[in-house]
Amino acid sequence: MRVLVIEDERGLAAAIARGLAEEGFAVDVTHDGADGLWKAWNEPYDAIVLDIMLPGLSGYEVLRRLRAAEVWTPVLMLTAKDGEYDEADALDLGADDYLRKPFSYVVLVARLRALLRRGAPARPAVLTAGDLALDPARRRCHRAETEIPLTAREFTLLEFLLRRQDEVVSKTDILTHVWDENFDGDTNIVEVYIGYLRRKIDVPFRRHTIETVRGAGYRLLATGD
């Protein structure tokens, strides 16, 4: 199995390469984000070990560009210690797993083997409903050729609805997945944000993508009409 390691700490990169080689992996190493991106685009790797803090291009940008180009090679991100936001951002951009520094090489090898067993099934880069499109990697939303600016919460809500299009989702479901299960504010916040979304993705385009299902919740129509 061939692995690309993109890590700017040369001592750490060398140690990872040695450890993986001892486990039977073929390993290529680069210390620069731009060079790593080029290799990942042009060489047939089975997995990529990708640090976040890199010269040239950050690990986030390398990952974003790979997924935008529909390169689905499994990616294991290396994040800072206690970097919860690093981990969340990495997963949102399309990372398959993450490992905090400092880490055990035994765990690194185990995580890589798990990724390799799963393989790299094709994943849609963009969620669509008719001419409405949401790109989670690029954090962009379009209706046909018109870009629609969304706040972070609006984006998350729309992504949740798109992933469950044609399904009725309750206020409770939305609060749990878009806010969190411990949210103790006014549940009418859901109606407020549904209204925000409608004014952005429907009203200017004379569409009715998001339906209210009385007594049950909301449904986003797969047709996007």
Protein backbone atom coordinates (compact mmCIF):
# COMPACT_ATOMS: atom_id res chain seq x y z
CA MET A 1 0.00 0.00 0.00
CA ARG A 2 1.32 3.43 -0.97
CA VAL A 3 0.98 6.34 1.44
CA LEU A 4 1.77 10.03 1.02
CA VAL A 5 2.94 11.85 4.16
CA ILE A 6 2.62 15.67 4.02
CA GLU A 7 4.31 17.01 7.15
CA ASP A 8 6.64 20.01 7.48
CA GLU A 9 8.33 18.86 10.71
CA ARG A 10 11.11 16.94 9.02
CA GLY A 11 12.04 14.85 12.05
CA LEU A 12 8.44 13.79 12.59
CA ALA A 13 7.91 13.13 8.88
CA ALA A 14 11.02 10.92 8.77
CA ALA A 15 9.92 9.03 11.86
CA ILE A 16 6.44 8.43 10.40
CA ALA A 17 7.97 7.25 7.14
CA ARG A 18 10.31 4.83 8.93
CA GLY A 19 7.53 3.46 11.09
CA LEU A 20 5.20 2.94 8.14
CA ALA A 21 7.97 1.39 6.04
CA GLU A 22 8.64 -1.11 8.83
CA GLU A 23 4.96 -2.06 8.64
CA GLY A 24 5.24 -2.75 4.92
CA PHE A 25 3.92 0.53 3.50
CA ALA A 26 5.52 2.27 0.54
CA VAL A 27 5.91 5.87 1.68
CA ASP A 28 6.46 9.18 -0.11
CA VAL A 29 7.16 12.29 1.97
CA THR A 30 6.81 15.98 1.21
CA HIS A 31 7.15 18.98 3.53
CA ASP A 32 5.16 21.56 1.59
CA GLY A 33 1.42 21.92 1.00
CA ALA A 34 1.64 22.85 -2.68
CA ASP A 35 4.00 19.99 -3.47
CA GLY A 36 1.82 17.61 -1.49
CA LEU A 37 -1.25 18.69 -3.41
CA TRP A 38 0.53 18.13 -6.72
CA LYS A 39 1.61 14.63 -5.67
CA ALA A 40 -1.88 13.76 -4.38
CA TRP A 41 -3.39 14.90 -7.68
CA ASN A 42 -0.95 13.10 -9.92
CA GLU A 43 0.11 9.92 -8.10
CA PRO A 44 -2.01 6.88 -7.17
CA TYR A 45 -1.91 6.83 -3.36
CA ASP A 46 -3.97 4.52 -1.19
CA ALA A 47 -4.01 7.00 1.72
CA ILE A 48 -2.65 10.41 2.72
CA VAL A 49 -1.34 11.52 6.12
CA LEU A 50 -1.84 15.30 6.12
CA ASP A 51 -0.71 17.86 8.69
CA ILE A 52 -2.76 21.05 9.10
CA MET A 53 0.04 23.59 9.56
CA LEU A 54 2.06 23.55 6.34
CA PRO A 55 4.05 26.09 4.31
CA GLY A 56 2.73 26.98 0.88
CA LEU A 57 -0.81 25.72 1.38
CA SER A 58 -2.37 24.71 4.67
CA GLY A 59 -3.59 21.18 5.16
CA TYR A 60 -7.14 22.55 5.11
CA GLU A 61 -6.60 24.07 1.67
CA VAL A 62 -4.92 20.92 0.34
CA LEU A 63 -7.88 18.86 1.51
CA ARG A 64 -10.45 21.35 0.21
CA ARG A 65 -8.89 21.37 -3.26
CA LEU A 66 -8.62 17.58 -3.39
CA ARG A 67 -12.27 17.08 -2.50
CA ALA A 68 -13.39 19.87 -4.83
CA ALA A 69 -11.54 18.03 -7.62
CA GLU A 70 -13.31 14.80 -6.56
CA VAL A 71 -10.11 13.14 -5.40
CA TRP A 72 -11.41 10.77 -2.74
CA THR A 73 -8.15 9.22 -1.49
CA PRO A 74 -8.65 8.56 2.25
CA VAL A 75 -7.07 11.34 4.33
CA LEU A 76 -5.87 11.07 7.92
CA MET A 77 -5.34 14.57 9.32
CA LEU A 78 -2.77 15.34 12.00
CA THR A 79 -4.13 17.99 14.36
CA ALA A 80 -2.75 20.02 17.25
CA LYS A 81 -3.19 18.72 20.79
CA ASP A 82 -6.68 19.66 22.09
CA GLY A 83 -7.53 21.05 18.66
CA GLU A 84 -11.27 20.36 18.72
CA TYR A 85 -11.99 23.03 16.14
CA ASP A 86 -9.17 21.66 13.96
CA GLU A 87 -10.83 18.27 14.04
CA ALA A 88 -14.29 19.61 13.28
CA ASP A 89 -13.02 21.71 10.37
CA ALA A 90 -11.05 18.77 8.98
CA LEU A 91 -14.07 16.46 9.04
CA ASP A 92 -16.30 19.15 7.51
CA LEU A 93 -13.86 19.53 4.62
CA GLY A 94 -13.85 15.80 3.91
CA ALA A 95 -11.14 14.21 6.07
CA ASP A 96 -11.77 10.54 6.82
CA ASP A 97 -10.10 10.51 10.23
CA TYR A 98 -7.82 12.59 12.44
CA LEU A 99 -5.10 11.99 14.99
CA ARG A 100 -3.92 14.42 17.66
CA LYS A 101 -0.26 15.16 18.22
CA PRO A 102 1.60 13.65 19.95
CA PHE A 103 0.37 10.24 18.89
CA SER A 104 1.29 6.58 19.09
CA TYR A 105 2.69 5.03 15.91
CA VAL A 106 0.75 1.89 16.76
CA VAL A 107 -2.46 3.92 16.65
CA LEU A 108 -1.38 5.71 13.45
CA VAL A 109 -0.82 2.38 11.69
CA ALA A 110 -4.11 0.99 13.00
CA ARG A 111 -6.04 4.06 11.81
CA LEU A 112 -4.42 3.86 8.36
CA ARG A 113 -5.20 0.17 8.02
CA ALA A 114 -8.82 0.89 8.95
CA LEU A 115 -9.02 3.58 6.26
CA LEU A 116 -7.49 1.26 3.69
CA ARG A 117 -9.99 -1.47 4.51
CA ARG A 118 -12.83 0.98 3.91
CA GLY A 119 -11.29 2.14 0.65
CA ALA A 120 -12.27 5.35 -1.11
CA PRO A 121 -15.86 5.14 -2.33
CA ALA A 122 -16.95 8.04 -4.50
CA ARG A 123 -18.72 10.72 -2.49
CA PRO A 124 -20.77 13.57 -3.91
CA ALA A 125 -18.91 16.85 -3.66
CA VAL A 126 -22.10 18.88 -3.92
CA LEU A 127 -25.60 18.38 -2.48
CA THR A 128 -28.35 19.30 -4.94
CA ALA A 129 -32.12 19.70 -5.17
CA GLY A 130 -33.11 20.84 -8.62
CA ASP A 131 -30.96 23.87 -9.43
CA LEU A 132 -30.17 24.47 -5.74
CA ALA A 133 -26.62 23.37 -4.92
CA LEU A 134 -24.68 23.33 -1.65
CA ASP A 135 -20.96 22.60 -1.60
CA PRO A 136 -19.88 21.66 1.97
CA ALA A 137 -16.18 21.63 1.10
CA ARG A 138 -16.17 25.11 -0.42
CA ARG A 139 -18.88 26.41 1.91
CA ARG A 140 -20.81 27.82 -1.03
CA CYS A 141 -24.47 27.80 -2.04
CA HIS A 142 -25.93 28.48 -5.50
CA ARG A 143 -29.33 28.61 -7.14
CA ALA A 144 -28.54 28.05 -10.83
CA GLU A 145 -25.77 30.60 -11.51
CA THR A 146 -26.63 32.86 -8.57
CA GLU A 147 -24.48 32.54 -5.45
CA ILE A 148 -26.41 32.79 -2.19
CA PRO A 149 -24.55 34.02 0.92
CA LEU A 150 -25.48 32.07 4.06
CA THR A 151 -24.51 32.43 7.69
CA ALA A 152 -22.84 29.44 9.36
CA ARG A 153 -26.11 28.39 11.04
CA GLU A 154 -28.14 28.80 7.86
CA PHE A 155 -25.57 26.73 5.98
CA THR A 156 -25.72 23.93 8.55
CA LEU A 157 -29.51 23.93 8.55
CA LEU A 158 -29.69 23.78 4.76
CA GLU A 159 -27.12 20.98 4.65
CA PHE A 160 -29.16 19.00 7.20
CA LEU A 161 -32.34 19.42 5.15
CA LEU A 162 -30.60 18.56 1.86
CA ARG A 163 -29.20 15.36 3.32
CA ARG A 164 -32.75 14.38 4.26
CA GLN A 165 -34.61 15.76 1.27
CA ASP A 166 -38.19 14.57 0.79
CA GLU A 167 -38.20 13.45 4.44
CA VAL A 168 -40.22 15.20 7.13
CA VAL A 169 -37.88 16.36 9.91
CA SER A 170 -39.20 17.59 13.23
CA LYS A 171 -38.16 20.67 15.18
CA THR A 172 -36.54 18.34 17.69
CA ASP A 173 -34.47 16.66 14.97
CA ILE A 174 -33.33 20.03 13.68
CA LEU A 175 -32.46 21.36 17.14
CA THR A 176 -30.46 18.21 17.93
CA HIS A 177 -28.45 18.22 14.70
CA VAL A 178 -28.15 21.90 13.86
CA TRP A 179 -27.90 23.32 17.39
CA ASP A 180 -27.26 20.52 19.91
CA GLU A 181 -29.15 18.08 22.07
CA ASN A 182 -28.73 20.29 25.15
CA PHE A 183 -30.25 23.40 23.55
CA ASP A 184 -32.62 24.94 26.10
CA GLY A 185 -33.66 28.11 24.32
CA ASP A 186 -36.90 28.92 22.51
CA THR A 187 -37.73 26.18 19.99
CA ASN A 188 -39.21 28.88 17.76
CA ILE A 189 -35.62 29.56 16.73
CA VAL A 190 -36.15 26.80 14.15
CA GLU A 191 -39.05 28.69 12.55
CA VAL A 192 -36.95 31.84 12.54
CA TYR A 193 -34.09 30.18 10.66
CA ILE A 194 -36.41 28.37 8.27
CA GLY A 195 -37.77 31.82 7.47
CA TYR A 196 -34.26 33.16 6.91
CA LEU A 197 -33.52 30.31 4.49
CA ARG A 198 -36.76 30.76 2.56
CA ARG A 199 -36.03 34.45 2.07
CA LYS A 200 -32.65 33.56 0.60
CA ILE A 201 -33.15 30.34 -1.41
CA ASP A 202 -36.83 30.54 -2.35
CA VAL A 203 -38.45 33.97 -2.35
CA PRO A 204 -36.05 35.73 -4.80
CA PHE A 205 -36.42 32.78 -7.21
CA ARG A 206 -40.17 32.26 -6.78
CA ARG A 207 -39.66 28.74 -5.46
CA HIS A 208 -41.13 26.74 -2.56
CA THR A 209 -38.33 24.34 -1.75
CA ILE A 210 -39.00 24.09 2.00
CA GLU A 211 -42.46 22.92 3.03
CA THR A 212 -44.07 23.21 6.43
CA VAL A 213 -45.79 19.95 7.40
CA ARG A 214 -48.34 20.91 10.02
CA GLY A 215 -47.83 19.21 13.34
CA ALA A 216 -44.79 17.32 12.07
CA GLY A 217 -41.99 19.63 10.94
CA TYR A 218 -40.42 20.57 7.62
CA ARG A 219 -39.55 18.93 4.32
CA LEU A 220 -37.14 20.04 1.63
CA LEU A 221 -38.32 18.93 -1.83
CA ALA A 222 -35.81 16.98 -3.89
CA THR A 223 -36.99 18.75 -7.03
CA GLY A 224 -35.96 22.09 -5.56
CA ASP A 225 -39.18 23.67 -6.86
